[in-house]
Amino acid sequence: MLNPSIDNLMKKIDSKYTLVTVSAKRARELRDNTGQKLKLAKTRSVNLVGKALEEIEADKVHFEREELKPGEE
């Protein structure tokens, strides 16, 4: 079984596409900014995407969806 589970993550973020986008962006932040610290004291995962997913599950990473104006797509 994978940790964190997709079921728990889907309670935090409403779509799989958004989940992938947010976790990938956070993983890139951790990779590119060596001074960037994890928002969790301890993680199970050794890779950056797994750590990002754990931060999302713990409500340490948030996102804001931009509303499109009429005619934008």
PDB file of N, CA and C in Angstrom:
ATOM      1  N   MET A   1       0.837  -1.180   0.000  1.00  0.00           N
ATOM      2  CA  MET A   1       0.000   0.000   0.000  1.00  0.00           C
ATOM      3  C   MET A   1       0.878   1.239   0.000  1.00  0.00           C
ATOM      4  N   LEU A   2       0.505   2.208  -0.799  1.00  0.00           N
ATOM      5  CA  LEU A   2       1.271   3.432  -0.896  1.00  0.00           C
ATOM      6  C   LEU A   2       0.845   4.420   0.176  1.00  0.00           C
ATOM      7  N   ASN A   3       1.799   5.162   0.666  1.00  0.00           N
ATOM      8  CA  ASN A   3       1.516   6.208   1.640  1.00  0.00           C
ATOM      9  C   ASN A   3       1.967   7.531   1.086  1.00  0.00           C
ATOM     10  N   PRO A   4       1.201   8.562   1.165  1.00  0.00           N
ATOM     11  CA  PRO A   4      -0.182   8.585   1.621  1.00  0.00           C
ATOM     12  C   PRO A   4      -1.106   7.993   0.557  1.00  0.00           C
ATOM     13  N   SER A   5      -2.247   7.519   0.983  1.00  0.00           N
ATOM     14  CA  SER A   5      -3.163   6.863   0.054  1.00  0.00           C
ATOM     15  C   SER A   5      -3.885   7.897  -0.799  1.00  0.00           C
ATOM     16  N   ILE A   6      -4.242   7.485  -1.997  1.00  0.00           N
ATOM     17  CA  ILE A   6      -4.949   8.382  -2.912  1.00  0.00           C
ATOM     18  C   ILE A   6      -6.297   8.798  -2.338  1.00  0.00           C
ATOM     19  N   ASP A   7      -6.927   7.909  -1.587  1.00  0.00           N
ATOM     20  CA  ASP A   7      -8.218   8.252  -0.981  1.00  0.00           C
ATOM     21  C   ASP A   7      -8.086   9.408   0.005  1.00  0.00           C
ATOM     22  N   ASN A   8      -7.047   9.385   0.830  1.00  0.00           N
ATOM     23  CA  ASN A   8      -6.821  10.484   1.779  1.00  0.00           C
ATOM     24  C   ASN A   8      -6.471  11.777   1.059  1.00  0.00           C
ATOM     25  N   LEU A   9      -5.679  11.672   0.004  1.00  0.00           N
ATOM     26  CA  LEU A   9      -5.289  12.866  -0.738  1.00  0.00           C
ATOM     27  C   LEU A   9      -6.466  13.492  -1.473  1.00  0.00           C
ATOM     28  N   MET A  10      -7.376  12.664  -1.970  1.00  0.00           N
ATOM     29  CA  MET A  10      -8.535  13.190  -2.692  1.00  0.00           C
ATOM     30  C   MET A  10      -9.505  13.916  -1.759  1.00  0.00           C
ATOM     31  N   LYS A  11      -9.394  13.694  -0.462  1.00  0.00           N
ATOM     32  CA  LYS A  11     -10.189  14.453   0.508  1.00  0.00           C
ATOM     33  C   LYS A  11      -9.642  15.876   0.656  1.00  0.00           C
ATOM     34  N   LYS A  12      -8.366  16.050   0.346  1.00  0.00           N
ATOM     35  CA  LYS A  12      -7.713  17.356   0.482  1.00  0.00           C
ATOM     36  C   LYS A  12      -7.818  18.184  -0.800  1.00  0.00           C
ATOM     37  N   ILE A  13      -7.696  17.515  -1.950  1.00  0.00           N
ATOM     38  CA  ILE A  13      -7.708  18.187  -3.247  1.00  0.00           C
ATOM     39  C   ILE A  13      -8.740  17.491  -4.118  1.00  0.00           C
ATOM     40  N   ASP A  14      -9.545  18.275  -4.804  1.00  0.00           N
ATOM     41  CA  ASP A  14     -10.732  17.751  -5.468  1.00  0.00           C
ATOM     42  C   ASP A  14     -10.521  17.004  -6.782  1.00  0.00           C
ATOM     43  N   SER A  15      -9.360  17.092  -7.408  1.00  0.00           N
ATOM     44  CA  SER A  15      -9.162  16.353  -8.651  1.00  0.00           C
ATOM     45  C   SER A  15      -7.751  15.781  -8.713  1.00  0.00           C
ATOM     46  N   LYS A  16      -7.618  14.679  -9.409  1.00  0.00           N
ATOM     47  CA  LYS A  16      -6.304  14.036  -9.543  1.00  0.00           C
ATOM     48  C   LYS A  16      -5.351  14.920 -10.328  1.00  0.00           C
ATOM     49  N   TYR A  17      -5.877  15.612 -11.337  1.00  0.00           N
ATOM     50  CA  TYR A  17      -5.044  16.515 -12.131  1.00  0.00           C
ATOM     51  C   TYR A  17      -4.447  17.608 -11.240  1.00  0.00           C
ATOM     52  N   THR A  18      -5.259  18.212 -10.406  1.00  0.00           N
ATOM     53  CA  THR A  18      -4.785  19.256  -9.499  1.00  0.00           C
ATOM     54  C   THR A  18      -3.790  18.683  -8.505  1.00  0.00           C
ATOM     55  N   LEU A  19      -4.053  17.488  -8.013  1.00  0.00           N
ATOM     56  CA  LEU A  19      -3.138  16.831  -7.080  1.00  0.00           C
ATOM     57  C   LEU A  19      -1.764  16.637  -7.704  1.00  0.00           C
ATOM     58  N   VAL A  20      -1.733  16.154  -8.936  1.00  0.00           N
ATOM     59  CA  VAL A  20      -0.460  15.939  -9.638  1.00  0.00           C
ATOM     60  C   VAL A  20       0.253  17.271  -9.846  1.00  0.00           C
ATOM     61  N   THR A  21      -0.478  18.289 -10.251  1.00  0.00           N
ATOM     62  CA  THR A  21       0.117  19.594 -10.520  1.00  0.00           C
ATOM     63  C   THR A  21       0.703  20.214  -9.252  1.00  0.00           C
ATOM     64  N   VAL A  22      -0.060  20.195  -8.177  1.00  0.00           N
ATOM     65  CA  VAL A  22       0.394  20.796  -6.918  1.00  0.00           C
ATOM     66  C   VAL A  22       1.594  20.037  -6.350  1.00  0.00           C
ATOM     67  N   SER A  23       1.544  18.712  -6.370  1.00  0.00           N
ATOM     68  CA  SER A  23       2.657  17.931  -5.813  1.00  0.00           C
ATOM     69  C   SER A  23       3.916  18.079  -6.662  1.00  0.00           C
ATOM     70  N   ALA A  24       3.773  18.139  -7.979  1.00  0.00           N
ATOM     71  CA  ALA A  24       4.944  18.323  -8.846  1.00  0.00           C
ATOM     72  C   ALA A  24       5.576  19.693  -8.627  1.00  0.00           C
ATOM     73  N   LYS A  25       4.738  20.710  -8.488  1.00  0.00           N
ATOM     74  CA  LYS A  25       5.259  22.059  -8.250  1.00  0.00           C
ATOM     75  C   LYS A  25       6.007  22.119  -6.920  1.00  0.00           C
ATOM     76  N   ARG A  26       5.436  21.512  -5.895  1.00  0.00           N
ATOM     77  CA  ARG A  26       6.103  21.509  -4.577  1.00  0.00           C
ATOM     78  C   ARG A  26       7.414  20.720  -4.635  1.00  0.00           C
ATOM     79  N   ALA A  27       7.421  19.594  -5.353  1.00  0.00           N
ATOM     80  CA  ALA A  27       8.651  18.799  -5.481  1.00  0.00           C
ATOM     81  C   ALA A  27       9.741  19.599  -6.203  1.00  0.00           C
ATOM     82  N   ARG A  28       9.363  20.361  -7.233  1.00  0.00           N
ATOM     83  CA  ARG A  28      10.339  21.213  -7.926  1.00  0.00           C
ATOM     84  C   ARG A  28      10.862  22.306  -7.003  1.00  0.00           C
ATOM     85  N   GLU A  29       9.987  22.866  -6.172  1.00  0.00           N
ATOM     86  CA  GLU A  29      10.443  23.874  -5.205  1.00  0.00           C
ATOM     87  C   GLU A  29      11.489  23.283  -4.275  1.00  0.00           C
ATOM     88  N   LEU A  30      11.239  22.084  -3.789  1.00  0.00           N
ATOM     89  CA  LEU A  30      12.190  21.436  -2.882  1.00  0.00           C
ATOM     90  C   LEU A  30      13.504  21.129  -3.590  1.00  0.00           C
ATOM     91  N   ARG A  31      13.433  20.719  -4.854  1.00  0.00           N
ATOM     92  CA  ARG A  31      14.637  20.387  -5.614  1.00  0.00           C
ATOM     93  C   ARG A  31      15.448  21.627  -5.961  1.00  0.00           C
ATOM     94  N   ASP A  32      14.787  22.667  -6.434  1.00  0.00           N
ATOM     95  CA  ASP A  32      15.488  23.847  -6.936  1.00  0.00           C
ATOM     96  C   ASP A  32      15.998  24.769  -5.845  1.00  0.00           C
ATOM     97  N   ASN A  33      15.300  24.834  -4.744  1.00  0.00           N
ATOM     98  CA  ASN A  33      15.691  25.707  -3.639  1.00  0.00           C
ATOM     99  C   ASN A  33      16.272  24.854  -2.532  1.00  0.00           C
ATOM    100  N   THR A  34      17.583  24.700  -2.554  1.00  0.00           N
ATOM    101  CA  THR A  34      18.206  23.833  -1.559  1.00  0.00           C
ATOM    102  C   THR A  34      18.016  24.366  -0.144  1.00  0.00           C
ATOM    103  N   GLY A  35      17.767  25.660  -0.010  1.00  0.00           N
ATOM    104  CA  GLY A  35      17.508  26.249   1.299  1.00  0.00           C
ATOM    105  C   GLY A  35      16.075  26.038   1.765  1.00  0.00           C
ATOM    106  N   GLN A  36      15.221  25.582   0.844  1.00  0.00           N
ATOM    107  CA  GLN A  36      13.808  25.337   1.173  1.00  0.00           C
ATOM    108  C   GLN A  36      13.710  24.158   2.134  1.00  0.00           C
ATOM    109  N   LYS A  37      13.022  24.348   3.218  1.00  0.00           N
ATOM    110  CA  LYS A  37      12.883  23.286   4.210  1.00  0.00           C
ATOM    111  C   LYS A  37      11.555  22.576   4.059  1.00  0.00           C
ATOM    112  N   LEU A  38      11.539  21.323   4.442  1.00  0.00           N
ATOM    113  CA  LEU A  38      10.299  20.568   4.468  1.00  0.00           C
ATOM    114  C   LEU A  38       9.380  21.161   5.525  1.00  0.00           C
ATOM    115  N   LYS A  39       8.100  21.072   5.283  1.00  0.00           N
ATOM    116  CA  LYS A  39       7.124  21.588   6.229  1.00  0.00           C
ATOM    117  C   LYS A  39       6.710  20.534   7.244  1.00  0.00           C
ATOM    118  N   LEU A  40       7.317  19.349   7.148  1.00  0.00           N
ATOM    119  CA  LEU A  40       7.064  18.268   8.098  1.00  0.00           C
ATOM    120  C   LEU A  40       8.359  17.923   8.810  1.00  0.00           C
ATOM    121  N   ALA A  41       8.247  17.546  10.052  1.00  0.00           N
ATOM    122  CA  ALA A  41       9.440  17.182  10.816  1.00  0.00           C
ATOM    123  C   ALA A  41      10.017  15.850  10.341  1.00  0.00           C
ATOM    124  N   LYS A  42       9.145  14.916   9.986  1.00  0.00           N
ATOM    125  CA  LYS A  42       9.610  13.596   9.581  1.00  0.00           C
ATOM    126  C   LYS A  42       8.711  13.083   8.451  1.00  0.00           C
ATOM    127  N   THR A  43       9.340  12.477   7.443  1.00  0.00           N
ATOM    128  CA  THR A  43       8.583  11.912   6.323  1.00  0.00           C
ATOM    129  C   THR A  43       8.970  10.456   6.125  1.00  0.00           C
ATOM    130  N   ARG A  44       8.051   9.678   5.549  1.00  0.00           N
ATOM    131  CA  ARG A  44       8.333   8.282   5.238  1.00  0.00           C
ATOM    132  C   ARG A  44       9.052   8.138   3.909  1.00  0.00           C
ATOM    133  N   SER A  45       8.717   9.015   2.985  1.00  0.00           N
ATOM    134  CA  SER A  45       9.226   8.917   1.626  1.00  0.00           C
ATOM    135  C   SER A  45      10.649   9.460   1.522  1.00  0.00           C
ATOM    136  N   VAL A  46      11.392   8.895   0.586  1.00  0.00           N
ATOM    137  CA  VAL A  46      12.741   9.392   0.337  1.00  0.00           C
ATOM    138  C   VAL A  46      12.783  10.286  -0.896  1.00  0.00           C
ATOM    139  N   ASN A  47      11.777  10.163  -1.788  1.00  0.00           N
ATOM    140  CA  ASN A  47      11.791  11.013  -2.984  1.00  0.00           C
ATOM    141  C   ASN A  47      10.964  12.274  -2.752  1.00  0.00           C
ATOM    142  N   LEU A  48      11.233  13.276  -3.572  1.00  0.00           N
ATOM    143  CA  LEU A  48      10.629  14.593  -3.359  1.00  0.00           C
ATOM    144  C   LEU A  48       9.131  14.620  -3.628  1.00  0.00           C
ATOM    145  N   VAL A  49       8.670  13.873  -4.618  1.00  0.00           N
ATOM    146  CA  VAL A  49       7.232  13.851  -4.894  1.00  0.00           C
ATOM    147  C   VAL A  49       6.490  13.218  -3.714  1.00  0.00           C
ATOM    148  N   GLY A  50       7.031  12.148  -3.168  1.00  0.00           N
ATOM    149  CA  GLY A  50       6.421  11.514  -2.010  1.00  0.00           C
ATOM    150  C   GLY A  50       6.368  12.456  -0.815  1.00  0.00           C
ATOM    151  N   LYS A  51       7.441  13.211  -0.623  1.00  0.00           N
ATOM    152  CA  LYS A  51       7.458  14.184   0.474  1.00  0.00           C
ATOM    153  C   LYS A  51       6.419  15.273   0.250  1.00  0.00           C
ATOM    154  N   ALA A  52       6.280  15.721  -0.998  1.00  0.00           N
ATOM    155  CA  ALA A  52       5.273  16.729  -1.320  1.00  0.00           C
ATOM    156  C   ALA A  52       3.869  16.196  -1.051  1.00  0.00           C
ATOM    157  N   LEU A  53       3.610  14.945  -1.417  1.00  0.00           N
ATOM    158  CA  LEU A  53       2.301  14.343  -1.160  1.00  0.00           C
ATOM    159  C   LEU A  53       2.024  14.231   0.336  1.00  0.00           C
ATOM    160  N   GLU A  54       3.043  13.910   1.110  1.00  0.00           N
ATOM    161  CA  GLU A  54       2.870  13.843   2.564  1.00  0.00           C
ATOM    162  C   GLU A  54       2.556  15.221   3.137  1.00  0.00           C
ATOM    163  N   GLU A  55       3.175  16.264   2.592  1.00  0.00           N
ATOM    164  CA  GLU A  55       2.878  17.620   3.047  1.00  0.00           C
ATOM    165  C   GLU A  55       1.435  17.999   2.710  1.00  0.00           C
ATOM    166  N   ILE A  56       0.957  17.595   1.545  1.00  0.00           N
ATOM    167  CA  ILE A  56      -0.430  17.872   1.163  1.00  0.00           C
ATOM    168  C   ILE A  56      -1.379  17.160   2.113  1.00  0.00           C
ATOM    169  N   GLU A  57      -1.091  15.905   2.407  1.00  0.00           N
ATOM    170  CA  GLU A  57      -1.959  15.134   3.308  1.00  0.00           C
ATOM    171  C   GLU A  57      -2.015  15.772   4.698  1.00  0.00           C
ATOM    172  N   ALA A  58      -0.900  16.344   5.147  1.00  0.00           N
ATOM    173  CA  ALA A  58      -0.827  16.954   6.477  1.00  0.00           C
ATOM    174  C   ALA A  58      -1.337  18.404   6.486  1.00  0.00           C
ATOM    175  N   ASP A  59      -1.901  18.859   5.367  1.00  0.00           N
ATOM    176  CA  ASP A  59      -2.405  20.242   5.237  1.00  0.00           C
ATOM    177  C   ASP A  59      -1.321  21.293   5.411  1.00  0.00           C
ATOM    178  N   LYS A  60      -0.117  20.971   4.991  1.00  0.00           N
ATOM    179  CA  LYS A  60       0.990  21.927   5.068  1.00  0.00           C
ATOM    180  C   LYS A  60       1.191  22.662   3.748  1.00  0.00           C
ATOM    181  N   VAL A  61       0.604  22.144   2.669  1.00  0.00           N
ATOM    182  CA  VAL A  61       0.692  22.775   1.352  1.00  0.00           C
ATOM    183  C   VAL A  61      -0.724  23.073   0.893  1.00  0.00           C
ATOM    184  N   HIS A  62      -0.931  24.308   0.464  1.00  0.00           N
ATOM    185  CA  HIS A  62      -2.253  24.735   0.018  1.00  0.00           C
ATOM    186  C   HIS A  62      -2.133  25.335  -1.369  1.00  0.00           C
ATOM    187  N   PHE A  63      -3.229  25.380  -2.073  1.00  0.00           N
ATOM    188  CA  PHE A  63      -3.248  26.006  -3.386  1.00  0.00           C
ATOM    189  C   PHE A  63      -4.509  26.835  -3.514  1.00  0.00           C
ATOM    190  N   GLU A  64      -4.461  27.759  -4.440  1.00  0.00           N
ATOM    191  CA  GLU A  64      -5.608  28.606  -4.699  1.00  0.00           C
ATOM    192  C   GLU A  64      -5.920  28.523  -6.188  1.00  0.00           C
ATOM    193  N   ARG A  65      -7.133  28.183  -6.517  1.00  0.00           N
ATOM    194  CA  ARG A  65      -7.537  28.060  -7.911  1.00  0.00           C
ATOM    195  C   ARG A  65      -7.953  29.427  -8.433  1.00  0.00           C
ATOM    196  N   GLU A  66      -7.381  29.797  -9.585  1.00  0.00           N
ATOM    197  CA  GLU A  66      -7.732  31.058 -10.213  1.00  0.00           C
ATOM    198  C   GLU A  66      -8.994  30.879 -11.026  1.00  0.00           C
ATOM    199  N   GLU A  67      -9.899  31.829 -10.900  1.00  0.00           N
ATOM    200  CA  GLU A  67     -11.135  31.791 -11.666  1.00  0.00           C
ATOM    201  C   GLU A  67     -10.891  32.411 -13.037  1.00  0.00           C
ATOM    202  N   LEU A  68     -11.373  31.726 -14.061  1.00  0.00           N
ATOM    203  CA  LEU A  68     -11.248  32.258 -15.416  1.00  0.00           C
ATOM    204  C   LEU A  68     -12.321  33.301 -15.674  1.00  0.00           C
ATOM    205  N   LYS A  69     -11.934  34.341 -16.362  1.00  0.00           N
ATOM    206  CA  LYS A  69     -12.897  35.369 -16.751  1.00  0.00           C
ATOM    207  C   LYS A  69     -13.633  34.869 -17.994  1.00  0.00           C
ATOM    208  N   PRO A  70     -14.833  35.337 -18.222  1.00  0.00           N
ATOM    209  CA  PRO A  70     -15.562  34.922 -19.432  1.00  0.00           C
ATOM    210  C   PRO A  70     -14.751  35.180 -20.689  1.00  0.00           C
ATOM    211  N   GLY A  71     -14.666  34.178 -21.543  1.00  0.00           N
ATOM    212  CA  GLY A  71     -13.907  34.307 -22.787  1.00  0.00           C
ATOM    213  C   GLY A  71     -12.488  33.795 -22.695  1.00  0.00           C
ATOM    214  N   GLU A  72     -11.973  33.537 -21.513  1.00  0.00           N
ATOM    215  CA  GLU A  72     -10.620  32.984 -21.345  1.00  0.00           C
ATOM    216  C   GLU A  72     -10.697  31.476 -21.283  1.00  0.00           C
ATOM    217  N   GLU A  73      -9.878  30.815 -22.031  1.00  0.00           N
ATOM    218  CA  GLU A  73      -9.788  29.348 -21.955  1.00  0.00           C
ATOM    219  C   GLU A  73      -8.548  28.877 -22.593  1.00  0.00           C
TER     220      GLU A  73
END
